[in-house]
Amino acid sequence: MAKFCCSICLDVLKDPVTIPCGHSYCIKCIKTCWDEEDQKKTHSCPQCKQTFAPRPVLVKNTMLADLIEELKKTDLQAAPADHCYAGPEDVACDVCTERKLKATKSCLTCLVSYCEKHLQPHYESLAFQNHRLVEPCKNLQENICSRHDKMKEIFCRTDRQCICYLCSMDEHRGHDTVSAAAERTERQRELEGSRRKLQQRIQDREKDVKLLQQEVEAISVSADKAVEDSKKIFTELIRLMEKRRSEVKQQIRSQQETEVSRVKELEEKLEQEITELKRKDASLEQLSLTEDHVQFVHSYPSVSALREPTDSSSINIRPLRHFEDVTAAVSQLRDQLQDVLRQTGTNVSQRLTEVDSVLPPADPKTRAEFLKYSREITLDPNTANTRLVLSEGGRKATRKFQRQPYSNHPDRFTDWEQVLSRESLTGRCYWEVEWSGTGVFVAVTYKNISRTSREAESGLGRNDKSWVLNCYPNVCSFWYNNIKRALPLPSILQSRSVPGPQSRFSVLLQHL
C-alpha cells in the first residue's frame, strides 16, 4: 500500500485526484496546499515542482480510488505474515486482542496505536477525519497529564515542560506558557537552523576531504616524479663515474705502454753494450795470452780503446710504486665524493621534512617539541607604563607604586600598567614566563592598540585587538573583547592560597 500513499500527509490516498503532471494526492491535501499558494497566482506540484496557471480543476480519479479500495480489502483478508507481528522492539497495536500486530500509525487524539486493519475506521469514517495520525510511537500516555488526566497541549517555558490547560491555571499560573504547537514551531525553526549549520559543516568537511584526497594524489604524483627524476640523475652519475673510470683506465694503460716501451728501448741498448763489452773483453783476453812482445805492444792501443758507457745513474728504479700516486688520487676522489654524497643526503632529508602540506603542523607535546618554536622576547622601554621598571636587558618588568620619570613617547601606555615586546610575533611562537607576587598578565596584541586611554580600547583583553591570560593564586582566566572565560586552575597554583615564590608557566601562540 506504500505506493498508494499521499506524499503530503503520508497516508493512503483518500479521494485521490491526479494533477496535470501525473502525480496523485488526497483531494483535501492538494487543495490545502494550493489554497496557501493562491496569493502567488501560480500553483505547483509538491513533488516535481512543475507550476500551473491557472489553478487546475481537481477531479477524483475513480479508477485509482477503486484500485485502492480493492487493495485494502485484499490486505484485510490476507493473513498477516510472521514479520507483521510485533516484536519486543516494535510498537504493537493496542486494539489486537490475540497475538498483536505491528502498529502502522499512532493517533495522538485517541492516544492509541493501530495496525493496518484497526486503522481503517480512521480512513473511512468522518468521525476520525480530524484525528492526527503519526508514525508508530511508544509511551503515548506521556501525552496525558498524570494529575488531571488531560492532554498536555501547553508548553511551560519557565519550567521547560509540557502541561495540560488545568496545570497552566494551577501550579504554573503566571508562568511563560505557549501552545505545544507554537513551541514546536519555534524549536522547529531552531532545528532547521541547526540542520543548516550541520549541513554547511558537512559540506565544509566534504570539501576538506576532497582537498585531502587531492593532496594525497599530489603527494603521490610528486613523490613518483621525484623518484623517477632521482633515478635518472643517479643513473647519469653512475654513467659519468663509469666513463671516468674508463678514461682513467685508458690513461693508465697508455702510460703503461709508454713507460714499458721506454724501458725496453733502454734495455736493448744495455744488452747491445753488454755484448760489445764481452767481445772487447775476449779480445783483451786473447791479447793478454800473446807471447810476441812486439805484436802485443803494437795491438794494445786499438784493442784497449773503449766507448763511453751508458750513464746508468739516469736509471731510477722505484720498486712496486709505478702507479701508486694514481691510486692515491682516485682514493682521494672517492673520499671527496663520499663527503659530497653525505652532505647531499642530509640536505635531501631536510628537504623531505619540509615538504608542504595542507595539514597543519602537529601540536607539540613535550617541552623539547615546544622549544622548536621558542622566541627570545625583550621588553620595549618606549611602551612601558611609568609604574613599571624594566631590567637593563629588557627581560624583566617590576610593578612599582612610585611613578618613574620616563620621557614622553607616543608608544607608551599612559594609564594601563602594561608593556609590549620589541619583537613582532607571527605564526607559531613559544616562550616561558617566570613570575612572583600576587599575579601576572600575559597578553598578545595588534600593534595599533590605543596607548593613551583609560577605557577598554587600551586595556589588554578588553577589546577585539588583544588577548590576555590572567593568573592569580586562586583564579585563572582568559579575556578577549572584554569577555571573561574562567580556566582550570593550574596545579602549580592549587597548592597555595597566598602569593608564593617564583613560578614558571609556558605560552604557545599560534595562527594569530
Protein backbone atom coordinates (compact mmCIF):
# COMPACT_ATOMS: atom_id res chain seq x y z
CA MET A 1 0.00 0.00 0.00
CA ALA A 2 3.03 2.30 0.38
CA LYS A 3 2.96 3.02 -3.36
CA PHE A 4 -0.58 4.45 -2.97
CA CYS A 5 0.26 6.96 -0.22
CA CYS A 6 -0.14 10.71 -0.48
CA SER A 7 3.25 12.44 -0.36
CA ILE A 8 1.73 15.31 1.64
CA CYS A 9 0.04 13.51 4.54
CA LEU A 10 1.98 10.24 4.02
CA ASP A 11 -1.26 8.24 4.47
CA VAL A 12 -3.07 6.03 1.97
CA LEU A 13 -4.74 8.20 -0.67
CA LYS A 14 -8.26 9.31 0.27
CA ASP A 15 -10.43 10.56 -2.63
CA PRO A 16 -7.37 10.57 -4.90
CA VAL A 17 -7.01 13.20 -7.65
CA THR A 18 -4.37 13.28 -10.37
CA ILE A 19 -2.97 16.69 -11.35
CA PRO A 20 -1.67 17.56 -14.88
CA CYS A 21 1.93 16.46 -14.18
CA GLY A 22 0.70 12.92 -13.36
CA HIS A 23 1.21 12.85 -9.58
CA SER A 24 -1.69 11.92 -7.31
CA TYR A 25 -2.75 13.32 -3.94
CA CYS A 26 -5.63 13.28 -1.49
CA ILE A 27 -8.05 15.91 -2.75
CA LYS A 28 -8.10 17.57 0.66
CA CYS A 29 -4.29 17.68 0.91
CA ILE A 30 -3.68 19.23 -2.51
CA LYS A 31 -6.49 21.75 -2.03
CA THR A 32 -4.99 22.90 1.26
CA CYS A 33 -1.58 23.15 -0.37
CA TRP A 34 -2.86 25.19 -3.30
CA ASP A 35 -5.02 27.42 -1.10
CA GLU A 36 -1.79 28.60 0.52
CA GLU A 37 -0.33 29.36 -2.93
CA ASP A 38 -3.35 31.35 -4.19
CA GLN A 39 -1.68 34.66 -3.36
CA LYS A 40 1.23 33.73 -5.65
CA LYS A 41 -1.23 33.17 -8.54
CA THR A 42 0.75 30.08 -9.53
CA HIS A 43 0.34 26.56 -8.24
CA SER A 44 2.94 23.81 -8.25
CA CYS A 45 3.28 20.08 -7.72
CA PRO A 46 4.77 19.37 -4.25
CA GLN A 47 6.86 16.56 -5.76
CA CYS A 48 8.20 17.66 -9.16
CA LYS A 49 7.64 21.43 -8.60
CA GLN A 50 6.01 21.86 -12.02
CA THR A 51 3.87 25.03 -11.99
CA PHE A 52 0.36 25.50 -13.35
CA ALA A 53 -1.51 28.66 -14.23
CA PRO A 54 -4.40 28.99 -13.86
CA ARG A 55 -5.19 26.64 -10.97
CA PRO A 56 -6.19 23.25 -12.37
CA VAL A 57 -9.64 21.89 -11.67
CA LEU A 58 -9.43 18.82 -9.43
CA VAL A 59 -11.41 15.73 -10.42
CA LYS A 60 -11.48 12.49 -8.44
CA ASN A 61 -9.53 9.65 -10.05
CA THR A 62 -12.21 6.96 -9.76
CA MET A 63 -10.05 4.19 -11.22
CA LEU A 64 -7.28 4.83 -8.69
CA ALA A 65 -9.83 5.10 -5.86
CA ASP A 66 -11.39 1.75 -6.80
CA LEU A 67 -7.95 0.14 -7.03
CA ILE A 68 -7.04 1.38 -3.54
CA GLU A 69 -10.31 0.06 -2.11
CA GLU A 70 -9.70 -3.35 -3.66
CA LEU A 71 -6.15 -3.43 -2.27
CA LYS A 72 -7.45 -2.50 1.19
CA LYS A 73 -9.91 -5.40 1.10
CA THR A 74 -7.19 -7.78 -0.09
CA ASP A 75 -4.82 -6.67 2.69
CA LEU A 76 -7.56 -7.06 5.31
CA GLN A 77 -8.47 -10.55 4.12
CA ALA A 78 -4.91 -11.77 3.81
CA ALA A 79 -3.45 -13.44 6.88
CA PRO A 80 -0.62 -11.42 8.32
CA ALA A 81 2.84 -12.80 7.72
CA ASP A 82 5.11 -13.54 10.65
CA HIS A 83 7.08 -10.36 10.10
CA CYS A 84 3.82 -8.36 10.63
CA TYR A 85 3.58 -9.44 14.27
CA ALA A 86 5.02 -7.07 16.84
CA GLY A 87 8.36 -7.95 18.36
CA PRO A 88 9.97 -6.68 21.58
CA GLU A 89 11.34 -3.58 19.85
CA ASP A 90 8.20 -2.82 17.82
CA VAL A 91 5.17 -0.66 18.63
CA ALA A 92 2.25 -3.10 19.00
CA CYS A 93 -1.35 -2.46 18.04
CA ASP A 94 -3.33 -1.57 21.17
CA VAL A 95 -6.59 -2.99 19.73
CA CYS A 96 -5.47 -6.52 18.80
CA THR A 97 -6.72 -8.97 21.45
CA GLU A 98 -4.75 -12.07 20.50
CA ARG A 99 -1.24 -12.01 19.04
CA LYS A 100 -0.59 -8.33 18.47
CA LEU A 101 0.37 -6.99 15.05
CA LYS A 102 2.82 -4.18 14.40
CA ALA A 103 1.27 -0.75 14.58
CA THR A 104 1.37 1.23 11.35
CA LYS A 105 0.16 4.53 12.85
CA SER A 106 -0.34 6.11 16.25
CA CYS A 107 -3.23 8.52 16.85
CA LEU A 108 -2.35 11.50 19.01
CA THR A 109 -6.05 12.19 19.52
CA CYS A 110 -7.01 8.68 20.63
CA LEU A 111 -3.60 8.04 22.22
CA VAL A 112 -3.78 4.58 20.68
CA SER A 113 -1.52 2.77 18.18
CA TYR A 114 -3.24 0.82 15.37
CA CYS A 115 -2.30 -1.93 12.97
CA GLU A 116 -3.40 -1.58 9.36
CA LYS A 117 -6.65 -3.46 10.00
CA HIS A 118 -7.78 -1.49 13.05
CA LEU A 119 -6.68 1.78 11.47
CA GLN A 120 -9.31 1.57 8.69
CA PRO A 121 -12.05 3.45 10.59
CA HIS A 122 -9.74 6.47 10.70
CA TYR A 123 -9.65 6.40 6.90
CA GLU A 124 -13.30 5.59 6.28
CA SER A 125 -15.27 7.39 8.97
CA LEU A 126 -15.77 11.14 9.03
CA ALA A 127 -15.74 10.96 12.82
CA PHE A 128 -11.97 10.43 12.71
CA GLN A 129 -11.07 12.84 9.93
CA ASN A 130 -9.61 15.43 12.32
CA HIS A 131 -7.56 12.89 14.26
CA ARG A 132 -3.82 13.33 13.99
CA LEU A 133 -2.02 10.23 12.78
CA VAL A 134 1.76 9.90 13.13
CA GLU A 135 4.35 7.18 12.73
CA PRO A 136 4.08 4.49 15.44
CA CYS A 137 5.46 5.73 18.76
CA LYS A 138 5.68 4.26 22.21
CA ASN A 139 4.68 5.84 25.53
CA LEU A 140 1.66 7.71 24.17
CA GLN A 141 0.40 8.02 27.75
CA GLU A 142 3.18 10.52 28.36
CA ASN A 143 0.97 12.98 26.43
CA ILE A 144 -1.62 12.74 29.27
CA CYS A 145 -1.25 14.79 32.45
CA SER A 146 -0.96 12.28 35.31
CA ARG A 147 -2.54 14.78 37.72
CA HIS A 148 -5.54 15.98 35.72
CA ASP A 149 -5.88 13.19 33.14
CA LYS A 150 -5.92 15.80 30.36
CA MET A 151 -3.93 16.16 27.13
CA LYS A 152 -0.64 18.03 27.50
CA GLU A 153 -1.21 20.71 24.88
CA ILE A 154 0.65 23.58 26.55
CA PHE A 155 4.39 24.12 27.00
CA CYS A 156 5.67 25.97 30.07
CA ARG A 157 8.82 27.84 29.08
CA THR A 158 9.51 28.74 32.69
CA ASP A 159 9.78 25.10 33.80
CA ARG A 160 10.66 23.70 30.35
CA GLN A 161 7.92 21.03 30.36
CA CYS A 162 4.63 20.14 28.69
CA ILE A 163 1.49 20.63 30.79
CA CYS A 164 -2.29 20.48 30.41
CA TYR A 165 -4.54 23.55 30.46
CA LEU A 166 -5.53 22.88 34.10
CA CYS A 167 -1.85 22.90 35.12
CA SER A 168 -1.48 26.31 33.45
CA MET A 169 -4.21 27.68 35.77
CA ASP A 170 -2.86 25.94 38.86
CA GLU A 171 0.81 25.47 39.80
CA HIS A 172 2.03 27.06 36.54
CA ARG A 173 -0.12 30.19 36.90
CA GLY A 174 1.81 33.28 35.84
CA HIS A 175 4.47 31.24 34.02
CA ASP A 176 5.52 31.92 30.44
CA THR A 177 3.36 29.41 28.54
CA VAL A 178 2.58 28.80 24.87
CA SER A 179 0.85 26.04 22.99
CA ALA A 180 2.89 22.94 22.36
CA ALA A 181 2.40 23.55 18.65
CA ALA A 182 3.80 27.09 18.92
CA GLU A 183 6.80 25.84 20.90
CA ARG A 184 7.28 23.10 18.32
CA THR A 185 7.20 25.71 15.54
CA GLU A 186 9.88 27.80 17.24
CA ARG A 187 12.01 24.81 18.11
CA GLN A 188 11.49 23.58 14.54
CA ARG A 189 12.98 26.81 13.26
CA GLU A 190 15.94 26.33 15.59
CA LEU A 191 16.21 22.73 14.42
CA GLU A 192 16.25 23.85 10.81
CA GLY A 193 18.92 26.40 11.67
CA SER A 194 20.97 23.71 13.38
CA ARG A 195 20.49 21.44 10.40
CA ARG A 196 21.65 24.18 8.05
CA LYS A 197 24.74 24.67 10.18
CA LEU A 198 25.35 20.92 10.26
CA GLN A 199 24.84 20.64 6.52
CA GLN A 200 27.23 23.55 6.00
CA ARG A 201 29.78 21.83 8.22
CA ILE A 202 29.23 18.61 6.30
CA GLN A 203 29.83 20.48 3.04
CA ASP A 204 32.93 22.13 4.51
CA ARG A 205 34.23 18.77 5.74
CA GLU A 206 33.47 17.17 2.37
CA LYS A 207 35.47 19.96 0.73
CA ASP A 208 38.25 19.31 3.23
CA VAL A 209 38.11 15.59 2.41
CA LYS A 210 38.36 16.41 -1.30
CA LEU A 211 41.31 18.69 -0.56
CA LEU A 212 42.98 15.90 1.39
CA GLN A 213 42.27 13.44 -1.42
CA GLN A 214 43.76 15.91 -3.88
CA GLU A 215 46.71 16.36 -1.52
CA VAL A 216 47.24 12.59 -1.38
CA GLU A 217 47.14 12.47 -5.17
CA ALA A 218 49.50 15.44 -5.45
CA ILE A 219 51.89 13.91 -2.89
CA SER A 220 51.87 10.59 -4.77
CA VAL A 221 52.42 12.24 -8.16
CA SER A 222 55.18 14.47 -6.78
CA ALA A 223 56.84 11.55 -4.97
CA ASP A 224 56.68 9.34 -8.10
CA LYS A 225 58.20 12.14 -10.18
CA ALA A 226 60.92 12.75 -7.57
CA VAL A 227 61.75 9.01 -7.52
CA GLU A 228 61.89 8.89 -11.32
CA ASP A 229 63.98 12.08 -11.58
CA SER A 230 66.32 10.89 -8.82
CA LYS A 231 66.70 7.57 -10.59
CA LYS A 232 67.65 9.34 -13.83
CA ILE A 233 70.09 11.64 -12.02
CA PHE A 234 71.79 8.78 -10.16
CA THR A 235 71.90 6.75 -13.37
CA GLU A 236 73.60 9.70 -15.06
CA LEU A 237 76.03 9.97 -12.13
CA ILE A 238 76.82 6.26 -12.42
CA ARG A 239 77.29 6.66 -16.18
CA LEU A 240 79.66 9.58 -15.60
CA MET A 241 81.57 7.55 -12.99
CA GLU A 242 81.83 4.61 -15.39
CA LYS A 243 83.04 6.94 -18.12
CA ARG A 244 85.62 8.49 -15.82
CA ARG A 245 86.75 5.03 -14.66
CA SER A 246 87.18 4.00 -18.30
CA GLU A 247 89.16 7.18 -19.04
CA VAL A 248 91.45 6.63 -16.04
CA LYS A 249 91.97 3.00 -17.06
CA GLN A 250 92.81 4.07 -20.63
CA GLN A 251 95.23 6.73 -19.37
CA ILE A 252 96.94 4.22 -17.08
CA ARG A 253 97.28 1.66 -19.89
CA SER A 254 98.57 4.31 -22.29
CA GLN A 255 101.12 5.47 -19.76
CA GLN A 256 101.98 1.84 -19.08
CA GLU A 257 102.76 1.28 -22.77
CA THR A 258 104.86 4.44 -22.92
CA GLU A 259 106.86 3.55 -19.84
CA VAL A 260 107.33 -0.09 -20.87
CA SER A 261 108.42 0.98 -24.36
CA ARG A 262 110.98 3.41 -22.89
CA VAL A 263 112.33 0.75 -20.51
CA LYS A 264 112.52 -1.85 -23.34
CA GLU A 265 114.39 0.57 -25.51
CA LEU A 266 116.91 1.25 -22.76
CA GLU A 267 117.11 -2.48 -22.05
CA GLU A 268 118.01 -3.19 -25.71
CA LYS A 269 120.75 -0.57 -25.63
CA LEU A 270 122.17 -2.07 -22.47
CA GLU A 271 122.03 -5.56 -23.99
CA GLN A 272 123.93 -4.32 -27.05
CA GLU A 273 126.51 -2.64 -24.83
CA ILE A 274 126.93 -5.82 -22.80
CA THR A 275 127.51 -7.83 -25.99
CA GLU A 276 130.11 -5.33 -27.23
CA LEU A 277 131.83 -5.28 -23.84
CA LYS A 278 132.02 -9.09 -23.75
CA ARG A 279 133.51 -9.09 -27.22
CA LYS A 280 136.09 -6.48 -26.20
CA ASP A 281 136.86 -8.49 -23.05
CA ALA A 282 137.50 -11.58 -25.21
CA SER A 283 139.87 -9.60 -27.44
CA LEU A 284 141.76 -8.31 -24.44
CA GLU A 285 141.97 -11.81 -23.00
CA GLN A 286 143.37 -13.16 -26.28
CA LEU A 287 145.87 -10.26 -26.46
CA SER A 288 147.00 -10.97 -22.92
CA LEU A 289 147.94 -14.50 -23.98
CA THR A 290 150.16 -13.28 -26.88
CA GLU A 291 153.83 -14.21 -26.38
CA ASP A 292 155.14 -11.82 -29.05
CA HIS A 293 156.01 -8.67 -27.25
CA VAL A 294 156.18 -6.53 -30.33
CA GLN A 295 152.77 -7.72 -31.51
CA PHE A 296 151.25 -7.03 -28.03
CA VAL A 297 152.62 -3.50 -27.92
CA HIS A 298 151.51 -2.82 -31.48
CA SER A 299 147.91 -4.14 -30.99
CA TYR A 300 147.21 -2.93 -27.47
CA PRO A 301 146.22 0.69 -28.28
CA SER A 302 143.46 -0.34 -30.71
CA VAL A 303 142.17 -3.27 -28.62
CA SER A 304 142.09 -1.46 -25.27
CA ALA A 305 140.15 1.61 -26.51
CA LEU A 306 136.57 1.59 -25.01
CA ARG A 307 133.47 3.65 -25.93
CA GLU A 308 131.81 5.79 -23.28
CA PRO A 309 129.40 3.58 -21.29
CA THR A 310 125.65 4.28 -21.00
CA ASP A 311 125.04 6.51 -17.96
CA SER A 312 123.37 4.06 -15.55
CA SER A 313 122.93 6.83 -12.97
CA SER A 314 119.97 8.15 -15.04
CA ILE A 315 118.06 4.95 -14.37
CA ASN A 316 115.89 5.40 -11.21
CA ILE A 317 114.18 2.19 -10.18
CA ARG A 318 111.22 2.54 -7.74
CA PRO A 319 110.16 -0.99 -6.90
CA LEU A 320 106.32 -1.51 -6.79
CA ARG A 321 105.49 2.22 -6.88
CA HIS A 322 104.98 2.96 -10.54
CA PHE A 323 101.23 3.98 -10.33
CA GLU A 324 100.62 4.28 -6.59
CA ASP A 325 100.13 8.06 -6.94
CA VAL A 326 97.30 7.43 -9.37
CA THR A 327 95.64 5.07 -6.87
CA ALA A 328 96.07 7.67 -4.13
CA ALA A 329 94.46 10.34 -6.33
CA VAL A 330 91.48 8.07 -7.09
CA SER A 331 91.14 7.27 -3.37
CA GLN A 332 91.12 10.99 -2.60
CA LEU A 333 88.39 11.47 -5.21
CA ARG A 334 86.38 8.68 -3.58
CA ASP A 335 86.66 10.34 -0.17
CA GLN A 336 85.60 13.71 -1.56
CA LEU A 337 82.65 12.11 -3.33
CA GLN A 338 81.59 10.37 -0.12
CA ASP A 339 81.64 13.71 1.71
CA VAL A 340 79.56 15.31 -1.05
CA LEU A 341 77.05 12.43 -1.02
CA ARG A 342 76.83 12.54 2.77
CA GLN A 343 76.16 16.28 2.76
CA THR A 344 73.72 15.96 -0.12
CA GLY A 345 71.91 13.14 1.70
CA THR A 346 71.49 15.39 4.74
CA ASN A 347 70.13 18.19 2.55
CA VAL A 348 67.72 15.79 0.85
CA SER A 349 66.47 14.56 4.25
CA GLN A 350 65.92 18.14 5.39
CA ARG A 351 64.00 18.93 2.20
CA LEU A 352 61.87 15.83 2.71
CA THR A 353 60.88 17.01 6.21
CA GLU A 354 59.97 20.44 4.78
CA VAL A 355 57.53 19.12 2.16
CA ASP A 356 54.49 21.45 2.00
CA SER A 357 51.10 20.07 3.04
CA VAL A 358 47.54 21.31 3.55
CA LEU A 359 47.64 19.77 7.00
CA PRO A 360 48.51 21.99 9.95
CA PRO A 361 51.67 21.13 11.90
CA ALA A 362 51.17 18.61 14.69
CA ASP A 363 50.66 20.12 18.13
CA PRO A 364 53.79 19.83 20.28
CA LYS A 365 53.54 17.52 23.28
CA THR A 366 56.86 17.69 25.10
CA ARG A 367 58.93 20.68 26.20
CA ALA A 368 61.57 19.75 23.63
CA GLU A 369 58.94 19.97 20.89
CA PHE A 370 57.70 23.31 22.25
CA LEU A 371 61.24 24.71 22.27
CA LYS A 372 61.41 24.28 18.49
CA TYR A 373 59.16 27.35 18.31
CA SER A 374 60.98 29.27 21.06
CA ARG A 375 61.26 33.05 20.63
CA GLU A 376 63.52 35.39 22.59
CA ILE A 377 61.37 38.29 23.83
CA THR A 378 62.68 41.60 25.16
CA LEU A 379 60.54 44.39 26.59
CA ASP A 380 60.32 47.77 24.86
CA PRO A 381 61.00 50.64 27.31
CA ASN A 382 59.21 53.08 25.00
CA THR A 383 55.91 51.26 25.68
CA ALA A 384 56.29 50.71 29.43
CA ASN A 385 53.83 52.42 31.79
CA THR A 386 55.51 54.71 34.32
CA ARG A 387 54.64 52.30 37.17
CA LEU A 388 56.74 49.56 35.56
CA VAL A 389 60.52 49.26 35.93
CA LEU A 390 62.39 47.23 33.31
CA SER A 391 65.66 45.40 33.83
CA GLU A 392 68.70 46.54 31.89
CA GLY A 393 68.38 43.76 29.34
CA GLY A 394 64.65 44.27 28.92
CA ARG A 395 63.82 40.76 30.14
CA LYS A 396 62.06 41.63 33.40
CA ALA A 397 59.30 44.05 34.42
CA THR A 398 58.59 45.01 38.04
CA ARG A 399 55.49 46.91 39.20
CA LYS A 400 56.27 49.93 41.42
CA PHE A 401 53.97 52.20 43.40
CA GLN A 402 56.04 55.29 42.62
CA ARG A 403 55.89 56.54 39.04
CA GLN A 404 59.13 56.56 37.04
CA PRO A 405 60.42 59.71 35.30
CA TYR A 406 60.13 58.31 31.78
CA SER A 407 60.20 60.67 28.81
CA ASN A 408 57.05 61.13 26.77
CA HIS A 409 56.69 58.73 23.88
CA PRO A 410 53.70 58.04 21.54
CA ASP A 411 54.02 54.26 22.11
CA ARG A 412 53.86 54.46 25.93
CA PHE A 413 50.81 53.17 27.85
CA THR A 414 49.76 56.19 29.92
CA ASP A 415 47.02 54.71 32.12
CA TRP A 416 47.20 50.89 31.97
CA GLU A 417 50.18 49.24 33.68
CA GLN A 418 51.33 47.42 30.56
CA VAL A 419 54.44 46.96 28.41
CA LEU A 420 54.93 45.41 24.96
CA SER A 421 57.84 43.46 23.48
CA ARG A 422 60.21 44.82 20.89
CA GLU A 423 59.66 41.77 18.68
CA SER A 424 56.64 41.20 16.45
CA LEU A 425 55.23 37.67 16.60
CA THR A 426 53.70 35.66 13.78
CA GLY A 427 52.88 32.03 13.08
CA ARG A 428 53.63 29.70 15.99
CA CYS A 429 55.74 31.10 18.83
CA TYR A 430 56.63 29.74 22.28
CA TRP A 431 58.06 31.40 25.33
CA GLU A 432 58.25 30.76 29.07
CA VAL A 433 57.31 33.25 31.78
CA GLU A 434 58.69 33.39 35.33
CA TRP A 435 56.72 35.47 37.83
CA SER A 436 56.31 36.17 41.53
CA GLY A 437 53.89 38.25 43.54
CA THR A 438 50.10 38.48 43.60
CA GLY A 439 49.54 37.75 39.89
CA VAL A 440 50.63 38.21 36.32
CA PHE A 441 49.01 39.16 32.96
CA VAL A 442 50.48 37.72 29.76
CA ALA A 443 48.97 39.05 26.55
CA VAL A 444 49.34 39.34 22.78
CA THR A 445 48.00 42.29 20.83
CA TYR A 446 47.99 44.01 17.49
CA LYS A 447 50.44 46.89 17.25
CA ASN A 448 47.74 49.52 16.65
CA ILE A 449 46.14 49.14 20.11
CA SER A 450 45.47 52.50 21.77
CA ARG A 451 48.09 53.68 24.29
CA THR A 452 46.57 56.80 25.86
CA SER A 453 43.08 55.82 27.04
CA ARG A 454 41.89 54.58 30.40
CA GLU A 455 38.94 52.95 28.62
CA ALA A 456 38.72 49.38 27.31
CA GLU A 457 40.30 50.34 23.99
CA SER A 458 43.71 50.42 25.69
CA GLY A 459 43.37 47.55 28.16
CA LEU A 460 44.78 44.21 27.06
CA GLY A 461 41.98 41.68 26.67
CA ARG A 462 39.34 44.41 26.93
CA ASN A 463 38.94 44.85 23.16
CA ASP A 464 38.99 42.90 19.91
CA LYS A 465 42.67 43.71 19.30
CA SER A 466 44.21 41.79 22.18
CA TRP A 467 44.08 38.54 24.15
CA VAL A 468 45.25 38.17 27.76
CA LEU A 469 45.81 35.33 30.27
CA ASN A 470 45.36 36.36 33.91
CA CYS A 471 46.92 34.20 36.63
CA TYR A 472 46.35 34.68 40.37
CA PRO A 473 46.90 32.27 43.27
CA ASN A 474 43.20 31.39 43.40
CA VAL A 475 41.87 32.10 39.89
CA CYS A 476 42.95 31.83 36.27
CA SER A 477 41.03 33.37 33.37
CA PHE A 478 41.25 34.32 29.71
CA TRP A 479 39.99 37.65 28.36
CA TYR A 480 39.15 38.73 24.82
CA ASN A 481 36.94 41.64 23.72
CA ASN A 482 36.10 42.28 27.39
CA ILE A 483 34.61 38.79 27.74
CA LYS A 484 36.00 36.67 30.56
CA ARG A 485 36.36 32.90 30.36
CA ALA A 486 37.36 31.03 33.51
CA LEU A 487 40.10 28.44 33.09
CA PRO A 488 41.04 25.40 35.20
CA LEU A 489 43.43 26.49 37.91
CA PRO A 490 46.97 25.29 37.10
CA SER A 491 48.29 22.68 39.52
CA ILE A 492 51.19 24.96 40.42
CA LEU A 493 48.68 27.41 41.96
CA GLN A 494 46.22 24.95 43.50
CA SER A 495 48.60 24.05 46.33
CA ARG A 496 48.79 27.57 47.76
CA SER A 497 46.24 30.22 48.63
CA VAL A 498 48.68 33.10 49.14
CA PRO A 499 51.38 34.50 46.85
CA GLY A 500 54.36 32.19 46.82
CA PRO A 501 57.88 32.06 45.42
CA GLN A 502 58.77 32.44 41.80
CA SER A 503 56.72 30.29 39.38
CA ARG A 504 57.01 29.46 35.72
CA PHE A 505 54.46 28.71 33.03
CA SER A 506 54.57 28.34 29.26
CA VAL A 507 52.82 30.22 26.46
CA LEU A 508 52.26 28.90 22.93
CA LEU A 509 50.96 31.41 20.39
CA GLN A 510 49.80 30.15 17.02
CA HIS A 511 47.87 31.41 13.99
CA LEU A 512 47.24 34.85 15.39
